[in-house]
PDB file of N, CA and C in Angstrom:
ATOM      1  N   MET A   1      -6.997 -12.688   1.056  1.00  0.00           N
ATOM      2  CA  MET A   1      -6.147 -13.090   2.158  1.00  0.00           C
ATOM      3  C   MET A   1      -6.969 -13.346   3.425  1.00  0.00           C
ATOM      4  N   ARG A   2      -8.026 -12.589   3.583  1.00  0.00           N
ATOM      5  CA  ARG A   2      -8.869 -12.813   4.767  1.00  0.00           C
ATOM      6  C   ARG A   2      -9.541 -14.178   4.701  1.00  0.00           C
ATOM      7  N   GLU A   3      -9.943 -14.599   3.503  1.00  0.00           N
ATOM      8  CA  GLU A   3     -10.517 -15.937   3.364  1.00  0.00           C
ATOM      9  C   GLU A   3      -9.500 -16.995   3.777  1.00  0.00           C
ATOM     10  N   VAL A   4      -8.255 -16.796   3.412  1.00  0.00           N
ATOM     11  CA  VAL A   4      -7.199 -17.757   3.763  1.00  0.00           C
ATOM     12  C   VAL A   4      -7.019 -17.818   5.270  1.00  0.00           C
ATOM     13  N   ILE A   5      -7.072 -16.681   5.941  1.00  0.00           N
ATOM     14  CA  ILE A   5      -6.926 -16.653   7.400  1.00  0.00           C
ATOM     15  C   ILE A   5      -8.057 -17.437   8.056  1.00  0.00           C
ATOM     16  N   VAL A   6      -9.280 -17.235   7.590  1.00  0.00           N
ATOM     17  CA  VAL A   6     -10.427 -17.952   8.158  1.00  0.00           C
ATOM     18  C   VAL A   6     -10.269 -19.455   7.931  1.00  0.00           C
ATOM     19  N   LEU A   7      -9.867 -19.839   6.717  1.00  0.00           N
ATOM     20  CA  LEU A   7      -9.655 -21.259   6.427  1.00  0.00           C
ATOM     21  C   LEU A   7      -8.518 -21.836   7.257  1.00  0.00           C
ATOM     22  N   ALA A   8      -7.463 -21.063   7.439  1.00  0.00           N
ATOM     23  CA  ALA A   8      -6.326 -21.534   8.238  1.00  0.00           C
ATOM     24  C   ALA A   8      -6.766 -21.843   9.664  1.00  0.00           C
ATOM     25  N   LYS A   9      -7.562 -20.972  10.234  1.00  0.00           N
ATOM     26  CA  LYS A   9      -8.047 -21.219  11.602  1.00  0.00           C
ATOM     27  C   LYS A   9      -8.858 -22.510  11.658  1.00  0.00           C
ATOM     28  N   ALA A  10      -9.717 -22.725  10.655  1.00  0.00           N
ATOM     29  CA  ALA A  10     -10.540 -23.940  10.625  1.00  0.00           C
ATOM     30  C   ALA A  10      -9.677 -25.191  10.472  1.00  0.00           C
ATOM     31  N   ALA A  11      -8.560 -25.047   9.743  1.00  0.00           N
ATOM     32  CA  ALA A  11      -7.666 -26.191   9.514  1.00  0.00           C
ATOM     33  C   ALA A  11      -6.547 -26.267  10.549  1.00  0.00           C
ATOM     34  N   GLN A  12      -6.635 -25.426  11.575  1.00  0.00           N
ATOM     35  CA  GLN A  12      -5.637 -25.370  12.648  1.00  0.00           C
ATOM     36  C   GLN A  12      -4.229 -25.083  12.125  1.00  0.00           C
ATOM     37  N   VAL A  13      -4.168 -24.141  11.174  1.00  0.00           N
ATOM     38  CA  VAL A  13      -2.897 -23.658  10.639  1.00  0.00           C
ATOM     39  C   VAL A  13      -2.633 -22.301  11.278  1.00  0.00           C
ATOM     40  N   ASN A  14      -1.404 -22.075  11.687  1.00  0.00           N
ATOM     41  CA  ASN A  14      -1.047 -20.874  12.430  1.00  0.00           C
ATOM     42  C   ASN A  14      -0.854 -19.663  11.509  1.00  0.00           C
ATOM     43  N   LEU A  15      -1.959 -19.056  11.125  1.00  0.00           N
ATOM     44  CA  LEU A  15      -1.942 -17.789  10.399  1.00  0.00           C
ATOM     45  C   LEU A  15      -2.860 -16.835  11.132  1.00  0.00           C
ATOM     46  N   ALA A  16      -2.537 -15.547  11.061  1.00  0.00           N
ATOM     47  CA  ALA A  16      -3.346 -14.551  11.763  1.00  0.00           C
ATOM     48  C   ALA A  16      -3.395 -13.270  10.940  1.00  0.00           C
ATOM     49  N   ASP A  17      -4.247 -12.343  11.361  1.00  0.00           N
ATOM     50  CA  ASP A  17      -4.371 -11.065  10.665  1.00  0.00           C
ATOM     51  C   ASP A  17      -3.022 -10.347  10.572  1.00  0.00           C
ATOM     52  N   GLN A  18      -2.160 -10.513  11.550  1.00  0.00           N
ATOM     53  CA  GLN A  18      -0.838  -9.876  11.508  1.00  0.00           C
ATOM     54  C   GLN A  18      -0.043 -10.344  10.288  1.00  0.00           C
ATOM     55  N   ASP A  19      -0.261 -11.583   9.852  1.00  0.00           N
ATOM     56  CA  ASP A  19       0.430 -12.083   8.666  1.00  0.00           C
ATOM     57  C   ASP A  19       0.046 -11.283   7.421  1.00  0.00           C
ATOM     58  N   ILE A  20      -1.194 -10.814   7.366  1.00  0.00           N
ATOM     59  CA  ILE A  20      -1.615  -9.968   6.244  1.00  0.00           C
ATOM     60  C   ILE A  20      -0.870  -8.648   6.294  1.00  0.00           C
ATOM     61  N   ASP A  21      -0.811  -8.041   7.471  1.00  0.00           N
ATOM     62  CA  ASP A  21      -0.076  -6.777   7.621  1.00  0.00           C
ATOM     63  C   ASP A  21       1.389  -6.953   7.224  1.00  0.00           C
ATOM     64  N   ASP A  22       1.988  -8.048   7.658  1.00  0.00           N
ATOM     65  CA  ASP A  22       3.392  -8.318   7.316  1.00  0.00           C
ATOM     66  C   ASP A  22       3.563  -8.499   5.814  1.00  0.00           C
ATOM     67  N   TRP A  23       2.613  -9.162   5.171  1.00  0.00           N
ATOM     68  CA  TRP A  23       2.689  -9.391   3.726  1.00  0.00           C
ATOM     69  C   TRP A  23       2.589  -8.069   2.973  1.00  0.00           C
ATOM     70  N   TYR A  24       1.665  -7.186   3.405  1.00  0.00           N
ATOM     71  CA  TYR A  24       1.555  -5.870   2.765  1.00  0.00           C
ATOM     72  C   TYR A  24       2.848  -5.076   2.925  1.00  0.00           C
ATOM     73  N   ALA A  25       3.475  -5.165   4.072  1.00  0.00           N
ATOM     74  CA  ALA A  25       4.746  -4.465   4.280  1.00  0.00           C
ATOM     75  C   ALA A  25       5.786  -4.963   3.273  1.00  0.00           C
ATOM     76  N   PHE A  26       5.814  -6.267   3.037  1.00  0.00           N
ATOM     77  CA  PHE A  26       6.734  -6.828   2.048  1.00  0.00           C
ATOM     78  C   PHE A  26       6.362  -6.380   0.634  1.00  0.00           C
ATOM     79  N   LEU A  27       5.072  -6.462   0.292  1.00  0.00           N
ATOM     80  CA  LEU A  27       4.631  -6.076  -1.048  1.00  0.00           C
ATOM     81  C   LEU A  27       5.002  -4.634  -1.370  1.00  0.00           C
ATOM     82  N   ASN A  28       4.947  -3.783  -0.369  1.00  0.00           N
ATOM     83  CA  ASN A  28       5.276  -2.373  -0.581  1.00  0.00           C
ATOM     84  C   ASN A  28       6.744  -2.141  -0.907  1.00  0.00           C
ATOM     85  N   THR A  29       7.584  -3.154  -0.740  1.00  0.00           N
ATOM     86  CA  THR A  29       9.003  -3.024  -1.089  1.00  0.00           C
ATOM     87  C   THR A  29       9.285  -3.450  -2.526  1.00  0.00           C
ATOM     88  N   LEU A  30       8.313  -4.064  -3.190  1.00  0.00           N
ATOM     89  CA  LEU A  30       8.522  -4.572  -4.543  1.00  0.00           C
ATOM     90  C   LEU A  30       8.354  -3.478  -5.589  1.00  0.00           C
ATOM     91  N   SER A  31       8.998  -3.672  -6.715  1.00  0.00           N
ATOM     92  CA  SER A  31       8.914  -2.721  -7.813  1.00  0.00           C
ATOM     93  C   SER A  31       7.526  -2.748  -8.443  1.00  0.00           C
ATOM     94  N   PRO A  32       6.953  -1.581  -8.709  1.00  0.00           N
ATOM     95  CA  PRO A  32       5.651  -1.543  -9.374  1.00  0.00           C
ATOM     96  C   PRO A  32       5.699  -2.109 -10.801  1.00  0.00           C
ATOM     97  N   GLN A  33       6.887  -2.181 -11.383  1.00  0.00           N
ATOM     98  CA  GLN A  33       7.028  -2.725 -12.731  1.00  0.00           C
ATOM     99  C   GLN A  33       7.139  -4.251 -12.740  1.00  0.00           C
ATOM    100  N   GLY A  34       7.225  -4.856 -11.566  1.00  0.00           N
ATOM    101  CA  GLY A  34       7.357  -6.301 -11.479  1.00  0.00           C
ATOM    102  C   GLY A  34       6.083  -7.012 -11.893  1.00  0.00           C
ATOM    103  N   LYS A  35       6.231  -8.263 -12.284  1.00  0.00           N
ATOM    104  CA  LYS A  35       5.095  -9.093 -12.668  1.00  0.00           C
ATOM    105  C   LYS A  35       5.147 -10.389 -11.880  1.00  0.00           C
ATOM    106  N   THR A  36       3.983 -10.835 -11.423  1.00  0.00           N
ATOM    107  CA  THR A  36       3.930 -12.106 -10.708  1.00  0.00           C
ATOM    108  C   THR A  36       4.224 -13.249 -11.681  1.00  0.00           C
ATOM    109  N   SER A  37       4.627 -14.388 -11.140  1.00  0.00           N
ATOM    110  CA  SER A  37       4.892 -15.547 -11.999  1.00  0.00           C
ATOM    111  C   SER A  37       3.619 -15.983 -12.713  1.00  0.00           C
ATOM    112  N   MET A  38       2.470 -15.817 -12.062  1.00  0.00           N
ATOM    113  CA  MET A  38       1.213 -16.213 -12.683  1.00  0.00           C
ATOM    114  C   MET A  38       0.910 -15.330 -13.899  1.00  0.00           C
ATOM    115  N   LEU A  39       1.137 -14.032 -13.770  1.00  0.00           N
ATOM    116  CA  LEU A  39       0.939 -13.134 -14.910  1.00  0.00           C
ATOM    117  C   LEU A  39       1.926 -13.470 -16.027  1.00  0.00           C
ATOM    118  N   GLN A  40       3.164 -13.741 -15.669  1.00  0.00           N
ATOM    119  CA  GLN A  40       4.156 -14.125 -16.680  1.00  0.00           C
ATOM    120  C   GLN A  40       3.722 -15.392 -17.411  1.00  0.00           C
ATOM    121  N   ASP A  41       3.166 -16.353 -16.670  1.00  0.00           N
ATOM    122  CA  ASP A  41       2.682 -17.587 -17.295  1.00  0.00           C
ATOM    123  C   ASP A  41       1.545 -17.295 -18.269  1.00  0.00           C
ATOM    124  N   ILE A  42       0.598 -16.482 -17.870  1.00  0.00           N
ATOM    125  CA  ILE A  42      -0.533 -16.156 -18.737  1.00  0.00           C
ATOM    126  C   ILE A  42      -0.035 -15.460 -20.001  1.00  0.00           C
ATOM    127  N   GLU A  43       0.851 -14.488 -19.830  1.00  0.00           N
ATOM    128  CA  GLU A  43       1.375 -13.770 -20.993  1.00  0.00           C
ATOM    129  C   GLU A  43       2.128 -14.690 -21.942  1.00  0.00           C
ATOM    130  N   ALA A  44       2.766 -15.722 -21.403  1.00  0.00           N
ATOM    131  CA  ALA A  44       3.534 -16.671 -22.227  1.00  0.00           C
ATOM    132  C   ALA A  44       2.670 -17.826 -22.733  1.00  0.00           C
ATOM    133  N   GLY A  45       1.386 -17.854 -22.363  1.00  0.00           N
ATOM    134  CA  GLY A  45       0.500 -18.924 -22.803  1.00  0.00           C
ATOM    135  C   GLY A  45       0.718 -20.238 -22.069  1.00  0.00           C
ATOM    136  N   ARG A  46       1.338 -20.155 -20.892  1.00  0.00           N
ATOM    137  CA  ARG A  46       1.574 -21.362 -20.087  1.00  0.00           C
ATOM    138  C   ARG A  46       0.469 -21.528 -19.053  1.00  0.00           C
ATOM    139  N   LYS A  47       0.303 -22.755 -18.587  1.00  0.00           N
ATOM    140  CA  LYS A  47      -0.628 -23.045 -17.499  1.00  0.00           C
ATOM    141  C   LYS A  47      -0.046 -22.467 -16.208  1.00  0.00           C
ATOM    142  N   THR A  48      -0.896 -21.864 -15.415  1.00  0.00           N
ATOM    143  CA  THR A  48      -0.457 -21.283 -14.139  1.00  0.00           C
ATOM    144  C   THR A  48      -0.600 -22.293 -13.007  1.00  0.00           C
ATOM    145  N   GLU A  49      -0.211 -21.859 -11.828  1.00  0.00           N
ATOM    146  CA  GLU A  49      -0.352 -22.687 -10.633  1.00  0.00           C
ATOM    147  C   GLU A  49      -1.628 -22.335  -9.866  1.00  0.00           C
ATOM    148  N   VAL A  50      -2.595 -21.719 -10.537  1.00  0.00           N
ATOM    149  CA  VAL A  50      -3.817 -21.269  -9.862  1.00  0.00           C
ATOM    150  C   VAL A  50      -4.574 -22.418  -9.199  1.00  0.00           C
ATOM    151  N   GLU A  51      -4.536 -23.601  -9.791  1.00  0.00           N
ATOM    152  CA  GLU A  51      -5.229 -24.742  -9.186  1.00  0.00           C
ATOM    153  C   GLU A  51      -4.613 -25.114  -7.835  1.00  0.00           C
ATOM    154  N   ILE A  52      -3.302 -24.971  -7.744  1.00  0.00           N
ATOM    155  CA  ILE A  52      -2.600 -25.321  -6.501  1.00  0.00           C
ATOM    156  C   ILE A  52      -2.974 -24.349  -5.388  1.00  0.00           C
ATOM    157  N   PHE A  53      -3.109 -23.079  -5.736  1.00  0.00           N
ATOM    158  CA  PHE A  53      -3.383 -22.061  -4.720  1.00  0.00           C
ATOM    159  C   PHE A  53      -4.878 -21.785  -4.593  1.00  0.00           C
ATOM    160  N   GLY A  54      -5.445 -21.120  -5.564  1.00  0.00           N
ATOM    161  CA  GLY A  54      -6.869 -20.777  -5.513  1.00  0.00           C
ATOM    162  C   GLY A  54      -7.761 -21.994  -5.479  1.00  0.00           C
ATOM    163  N   GLY A  55      -7.419 -22.997  -6.280  1.00  0.00           N
ATOM    164  CA  GLY A  55      -8.223 -24.218  -6.308  1.00  0.00           C
ATOM    165  C   GLY A  55      -8.247 -24.907  -4.959  1.00  0.00           C
ATOM    166  N   LYS A  56      -7.102 -24.933  -4.308  1.00  0.00           N
ATOM    167  CA  LYS A  56      -7.025 -25.562  -2.979  1.00  0.00           C
ATOM    168  C   LYS A  56      -7.849 -24.776  -1.959  1.00  0.00           C
ATOM    169  N   MET A  57      -7.819 -23.453  -2.042  1.00  0.00           N
ATOM    170  CA  MET A  57      -8.605 -22.641  -1.102  1.00  0.00           C
ATOM    171  C   MET A  57     -10.096 -22.896  -1.289  1.00  0.00           C
ATOM    172  N   VAL A  58     -10.533 -22.988  -2.535  1.00  0.00           N
ATOM    173  CA  VAL A  58     -11.945 -23.261  -2.803  1.00  0.00           C
ATOM    174  C   VAL A  58     -12.318 -24.641  -2.275  1.00  0.00           C
ATOM    175  N   GLU A  59     -11.456 -25.626  -2.505  1.00  0.00           N
ATOM    176  CA  GLU A  59     -11.697 -26.987  -2.005  1.00  0.00           C
ATOM    177  C   GLU A  59     -11.774 -27.010  -0.485  1.00  0.00           C
ATOM    178  N   LEU A  60     -10.843 -26.338   0.181  1.00  0.00           N
ATOM    179  CA  LEU A  60     -10.858 -26.290   1.648  1.00  0.00           C
ATOM    180  C   LEU A  60     -12.099 -25.570   2.165  1.00  0.00           C
ATOM    181  N   GLY A  61     -12.519 -24.536   1.449  1.00  0.00           N
ATOM    182  CA  GLY A  61     -13.741 -23.837   1.839  1.00  0.00           C
ATOM    183  C   GLY A  61     -14.931 -24.769   1.836  1.00  0.00           C
ATOM    184  N   LYS A  62     -15.021 -25.596   0.806  1.00  0.00           N
ATOM    185  CA  LYS A  62     -16.125 -26.564   0.741  1.00  0.00           C
ATOM    186  C   LYS A  62     -16.004 -27.594   1.860  1.00  0.00           C
ATOM    187  N   THR A  63     -14.785 -28.068   2.121  1.00  0.00           N
ATOM    188  CA  THR A  63     -14.558 -29.058   3.169  1.00  0.00           C
ATOM    189  C   THR A  63     -14.991 -28.531   4.535  1.00  0.00           C
ATOM    190  N   HIS A  64     -14.693 -27.257   4.798  1.00  0.00           N
ATOM    191  CA  HIS A  64     -14.983 -26.667   6.109  1.00  0.00           C
ATOM    192  C   HIS A  64     -16.266 -25.839   6.125  1.00  0.00           C
ATOM    193  N   ALA A  65     -17.024 -25.884   5.019  1.00  0.00           N
ATOM    194  CA  ALA A  65     -18.273 -25.111   4.913  1.00  0.00           C
ATOM    195  C   ALA A  65     -18.046 -23.624   5.162  1.00  0.00           C
ATOM    196  N   ILE A  66     -16.967 -23.107   4.564  1.00  0.00           N
ATOM    197  CA  ILE A  66     -16.617 -21.693   4.692  1.00  0.00           C
ATOM    198  C   ILE A  66     -16.664 -21.078   3.294  1.00  0.00           C
ATOM    199  N   PRO A  67     -17.452 -20.044   3.097  1.00  0.00           N
ATOM    200  CA  PRO A  67     -17.532 -19.417   1.774  1.00  0.00           C
ATOM    201  C   PRO A  67     -16.183 -18.813   1.359  1.00  0.00           C
ATOM    202  N   THR A  68     -15.860 -18.977   0.082  1.00  0.00           N
ATOM    203  CA  THR A  68     -14.625 -18.406  -0.464  1.00  0.00           C
ATOM    204  C   THR A  68     -14.929 -17.679  -1.777  1.00  0.00           C
ATOM    205  N   PRO A  69     -15.816 -16.687  -1.744  1.00  0.00           N
ATOM    206  CA  PRO A  69     -16.226 -16.039  -2.993  1.00  0.00           C
ATOM    207  C   PRO A  69     -15.086 -15.327  -3.733  1.00  0.00           C
ATOM    208  N   VAL A  70     -14.166 -14.733  -3.015  1.00  0.00           N
ATOM    209  CA  VAL A  70     -13.063 -14.040  -3.681  1.00  0.00           C
ATOM    210  C   VAL A  70     -12.152 -15.047  -4.368  1.00  0.00           C
ATOM    211  N   ASN A  71     -11.785 -16.098  -3.662  1.00  0.00           N
ATOM    212  CA  ASN A  71     -10.924 -17.117  -4.266  1.00  0.00           C
ATOM    213  C   ASN A  71     -11.622 -17.810  -5.428  1.00  0.00           C
ATOM    214  N   GLN A  72     -12.922 -18.058  -5.317  1.00  0.00           N
ATOM    215  CA  GLN A  72     -13.657 -18.681  -6.429  1.00  0.00           C
ATOM    216  C   GLN A  72     -13.650 -17.779  -7.654  1.00  0.00           C
ATOM    217  N   THR A  73     -13.849 -16.488  -7.452  1.00  0.00           N
ATOM    218  CA  THR A  73     -13.882 -15.538  -8.560  1.00  0.00           C
ATOM    219  C   THR A  73     -12.518 -15.425  -9.231  1.00  0.00           C
ATOM    220  N   VAL A  74     -11.475 -15.274  -8.433  1.00  0.00           N
ATOM    221  CA  VAL A  74     -10.122 -15.165  -8.996  1.00  0.00           C
ATOM    222  C   VAL A  74      -9.750 -16.455  -9.726  1.00  0.00           C
ATOM    223  N   LEU A  75     -10.088 -17.598  -9.154  1.00  0.00           N
ATOM    224  CA  LEU A  75      -9.826 -18.887  -9.791  1.00  0.00           C
ATOM    225  C   LEU A  75     -10.478 -18.935 -11.169  1.00  0.00           C
ATOM    226  N   ARG A  76     -11.746 -18.570 -11.247  1.00  0.00           N
ATOM    227  CA  ARG A  76     -12.462 -18.604 -12.534  1.00  0.00           C
ATOM    228  C   ARG A  76     -11.860 -17.636 -13.544  1.00  0.00           C
ATOM    229  N   ILE A  77     -11.527 -16.439 -13.096  1.00  0.00           N
ATOM    230  CA  ILE A  77     -10.939 -15.437 -14.001  1.00  0.00           C
ATOM    231  C   ILE A  77      -9.634 -15.961 -14.590  1.00  0.00           C
ATOM    232  N   ILE A  78      -8.777 -16.500 -13.741  1.00  0.00           N
ATOM    233  CA  ILE A  78      -7.482 -16.988 -14.230  1.00  0.00           C
ATOM    234  C   ILE A  78      -7.669 -18.205 -15.127  1.00  0.00           C
ATOM    235  N   GLN A  79      -8.621 -19.065 -14.816  1.00  0.00           N
ATOM    236  CA  GLN A  79      -8.883 -20.212 -15.685  1.00  0.00           C
ATOM    237  C   GLN A  79      -9.322 -19.743 -17.076  1.00  0.00           C
ATOM    238  N   VAL A  80     -10.143 -18.701 -17.141  1.00  0.00           N
ATOM    239  CA  VAL A  80     -10.560 -18.148 -18.437  1.00  0.00           C
ATOM    240  C   VAL A  80      -9.369 -17.534 -19.158  1.00  0.00           C
ATOM    241  N   LEU A  81      -8.527 -16.792 -18.443  1.00  0.00           N
ATOM    242  CA  LEU A  81      -7.340 -16.203 -19.056  1.00  0.00           C
ATOM    243  C   LEU A  81      -6.405 -17.286 -19.599  1.00  0.00           C
ATOM    244  N   GLU A  82      -6.245 -18.358 -18.837  1.00  0.00           N
ATOM    245  CA  GLU A  82      -5.414 -19.480 -19.300  1.00  0.00           C
ATOM    246  C   GLU A  82      -5.984 -20.077 -20.585  1.00  0.00           C
ATOM    247  N   ARG A  83      -7.272 -20.305 -20.565  1.00  0.00           N
ATOM    248  CA  ARG A  83      -7.927 -20.909 -21.721  1.00  0.00           C
ATOM    249  C   ARG A  83      -7.781 -20.035 -22.959  1.00  0.00           C
ATOM    250  N   ASP A  84      -7.965 -18.717 -22.766  1.00  0.00           N
ATOM    251  CA  ASP A  84      -7.932 -17.800 -23.898  1.00  0.00           C
ATOM    252  C   ASP A  84      -6.530 -17.463 -24.370  1.00  0.00           C
ATOM    253  N   SER A  85      -5.514 -17.693 -23.509  1.00  0.00           N
ATOM    254  CA  SER A  85      -4.140 -17.363 -23.917  1.00  0.00           C
ATOM    255  C   SER A  85      -3.422 -18.561 -24.515  1.00  0.00           C
ATOM    256  N   GLY A  86      -3.991 -19.754 -24.347  1.00  0.00           N
ATOM    257  CA  GLY A  86      -3.319 -20.965 -24.780  1.00  0.00           C
ATOM    258  C   GLY A  86      -3.571 -21.368 -26.167  1.00  0.00           C
TER     259      GLY A  86
END
């Protein structure tokens, strides 16, 4: 999320550290037994939306010369999971 905030500032998108705090407050209200749509897709052998989210962050990082190691790693992991579950 911190990588996204840095990229947002570079792209003049109105996101700030407070948005991370707000997101954590929301996440803490969710059931621990819940599953994200991306996990549900992987379990069902479907293609996820990782390219739309993580892929875009990696692309924007390259465009703005901002490192995105966390997003790159998560993107690769999910791509491998997709490949192996399909």
